[in-house]
Amino acid sequence: MCTARGAKAIITVTIRTENAAFGDGNKAQEVARLLHALANTLVIYGTAPARLVDLNGNRVGTVTMTKPDRELA
């Protein structure tokens, strides 16, 4: 889990869209579902899962939080 509460961080979300959950014109819908679930987890728990899982249960992405090496504008 990545924690965001009270700390400045750079959040990087990586999603691989080459499997079946993103096929048949479902790419935008599945990406939106993943981002919505991520947003809900951040709001409710103040943390992000280290990996993202598609509708079929496959690991399709990661979420990382790092401290910025300089102050963000």
C-alpha atoms as a PDB file:
ATOM      1  CA  MET A   1       0.000   0.000   0.000  1.00  0.00           C
ATOM      2  CA  CYS A   2       1.083   3.556  -0.732  1.00  0.00           C
ATOM      3  CA  THR A   3       0.201   6.223   1.815  1.00  0.00           C
ATOM      4  CA  ALA A   4      -0.690   9.796   0.855  1.00  0.00           C
ATOM      5  CA  ARG A   5      -2.126  11.354   4.011  1.00  0.00           C
ATOM      6  CA  GLY A   6      -0.511  14.677   4.858  1.00  0.00           C
ATOM      7  CA  ALA A   7       2.577  14.197   2.720  1.00  0.00           C
ATOM      8  CA  LYS A   8       3.576  15.768  -0.571  1.00  0.00           C
ATOM      9  CA  ALA A   9       4.059  13.037  -3.115  1.00  0.00           C
ATOM     10  CA  ILE A  10       4.270  12.243  -6.787  1.00  0.00           C
ATOM     11  CA  ILE A  11       1.718   9.571  -7.646  1.00  0.00           C
ATOM     12  CA  THR A  12       2.409   7.478 -10.735  1.00  0.00           C
ATOM     13  CA  VAL A  13      -0.295   5.185 -12.136  1.00  0.00           C
ATOM     14  CA  THR A  14       0.674   2.664 -14.795  1.00  0.00           C
ATOM     15  CA  ILE A  15      -2.025   0.616 -16.562  1.00  0.00           C
ATOM     16  CA  ARG A  16      -1.322  -2.003 -19.243  1.00  0.00           C
ATOM     17  CA  THR A  17      -4.290  -2.321 -21.581  1.00  0.00           C
ATOM     18  CA  GLU A  18      -3.425  -5.256 -23.798  1.00  0.00           C
ATOM     19  CA  ASN A  19      -5.556  -8.003 -22.215  1.00  0.00           C
ATOM     20  CA  ALA A  20      -9.183  -9.103 -22.734  1.00  0.00           C
ATOM     21  CA  ALA A  21     -10.758  -6.730 -20.169  1.00  0.00           C
ATOM     22  CA  PHE A  22      -9.793  -3.816 -22.432  1.00  0.00           C
ATOM     23  CA  GLY A  23     -10.915  -5.433 -25.710  1.00  0.00           C
ATOM     24  CA  ASP A  24     -14.128  -5.063 -27.723  1.00  0.00           C
ATOM     25  CA  GLY A  25     -14.225  -1.292 -27.281  1.00  0.00           C
ATOM     26  CA  ASN A  26     -14.038  -1.509 -23.471  1.00  0.00           C
ATOM     27  CA  LYS A  27     -10.680   0.231 -23.016  1.00  0.00           C
ATOM     28  CA  ALA A  28     -12.047   3.596 -21.839  1.00  0.00           C
ATOM     29  CA  GLN A  29     -14.654   1.957 -19.605  1.00  0.00           C
ATOM     30  CA  GLU A  30     -12.146  -0.363 -17.907  1.00  0.00           C
ATOM     31  CA  VAL A  31      -9.563   2.406 -17.412  1.00  0.00           C
ATOM     32  CA  ALA A  32     -12.297   4.597 -15.897  1.00  0.00           C
ATOM     33  CA  ARG A  33     -13.364   1.743 -13.600  1.00  0.00           C
ATOM     34  CA  LEU A  34      -9.785   1.232 -12.402  1.00  0.00           C
ATOM     35  CA  LEU A  35      -9.246   4.956 -11.767  1.00  0.00           C
ATOM     36  CA  HIS A  36     -12.598   5.268  -9.998  1.00  0.00           C
ATOM     37  CA  ALA A  37     -11.742   2.337  -7.711  1.00  0.00           C
ATOM     38  CA  LEU A  38      -8.315   3.872  -7.042  1.00  0.00           C
ATOM     39  CA  ALA A  39      -9.899   7.253  -6.193  1.00  0.00           C
ATOM     40  CA  ASN A  40     -12.385   5.614  -3.817  1.00  0.00           C
ATOM     41  CA  THR A  41      -9.597   3.721  -2.062  1.00  0.00           C
ATOM     42  CA  LEU A  42      -7.587   6.937  -1.643  1.00  0.00           C
ATOM     43  CA  VAL A  43     -10.591   8.810  -0.205  1.00  0.00           C
ATOM     44  CA  ILE A  44     -11.743   6.039   2.130  1.00  0.00           C
ATOM     45  CA  TYR A  45      -8.402   4.663   3.360  1.00  0.00           C
ATOM     46  CA  GLY A  46      -5.874   7.389   2.537  1.00  0.00           C
ATOM     47  CA  THR A  47      -3.749   4.780   0.806  1.00  0.00           C
ATOM     48  CA  ALA A  48      -3.443   3.344  -2.683  1.00  0.00           C
ATOM     49  CA  PRO A  49      -3.040  -0.304  -3.591  1.00  0.00           C
ATOM     50  CA  ALA A  50       0.380  -1.210  -4.965  1.00  0.00           C
ATOM     51  CA  ARG A  51      -1.266  -2.994  -7.907  1.00  0.00           C
ATOM     52  CA  LEU A  52      -4.390  -2.613  -9.996  1.00  0.00           C
ATOM     53  CA  VAL A  53      -6.555  -5.576 -10.991  1.00  0.00           C
ATOM     54  CA  ASP A  54      -8.911  -5.683 -13.998  1.00  0.00           C
ATOM     55  CA  LEU A  55     -12.470  -7.055 -14.106  1.00  0.00           C
ATOM     56  CA  ASN A  56     -11.113 -10.529 -14.867  1.00  0.00           C
ATOM     57  CA  GLY A  57      -8.820 -10.511 -11.820  1.00  0.00           C
ATOM     58  CA  ASN A  58      -5.608  -9.969 -13.768  1.00  0.00           C
ATOM     59  CA  ARG A  59      -2.916  -7.652 -12.469  1.00  0.00           C
ATOM     60  CA  VAL A  60      -2.783  -4.818 -15.025  1.00  0.00           C
ATOM     61  CA  GLY A  61      -1.141  -1.904 -13.287  1.00  0.00           C
ATOM     62  CA  THR A  62       0.755  -0.344 -10.444  1.00  0.00           C
ATOM     63  CA  VAL A  63       0.491   2.725  -8.253  1.00  0.00           C
ATOM     64  CA  THR A  64       3.612   4.259  -6.781  1.00  0.00           C
ATOM     65  CA  MET A  65       4.080   7.257  -4.526  1.00  0.00           C
ATOM     66  CA  THR A  66       7.422   8.969  -4.215  1.00  0.00           C
ATOM     67  CA  LYS A  67       8.635  12.071  -2.459  1.00  0.00           C
ATOM     68  CA  PRO A  68       9.437  14.851  -4.903  1.00  0.00           C
ATOM     69  CA  ASP A  69      13.155  15.649  -5.155  1.00  0.00           C
ATOM     70  CA  ARG A  70      12.202  19.336  -5.200  1.00  0.00           C
ATOM     71  CA  GLU A  71       9.259  21.443  -4.069  1.00  0.00           C
ATOM     72  CA  LEU A  72       6.265  21.152  -6.399  1.00  0.00           C
ATOM     73  CA  ALA A  73       4.921  24.433  -7.763  1.00  0.00           C
END
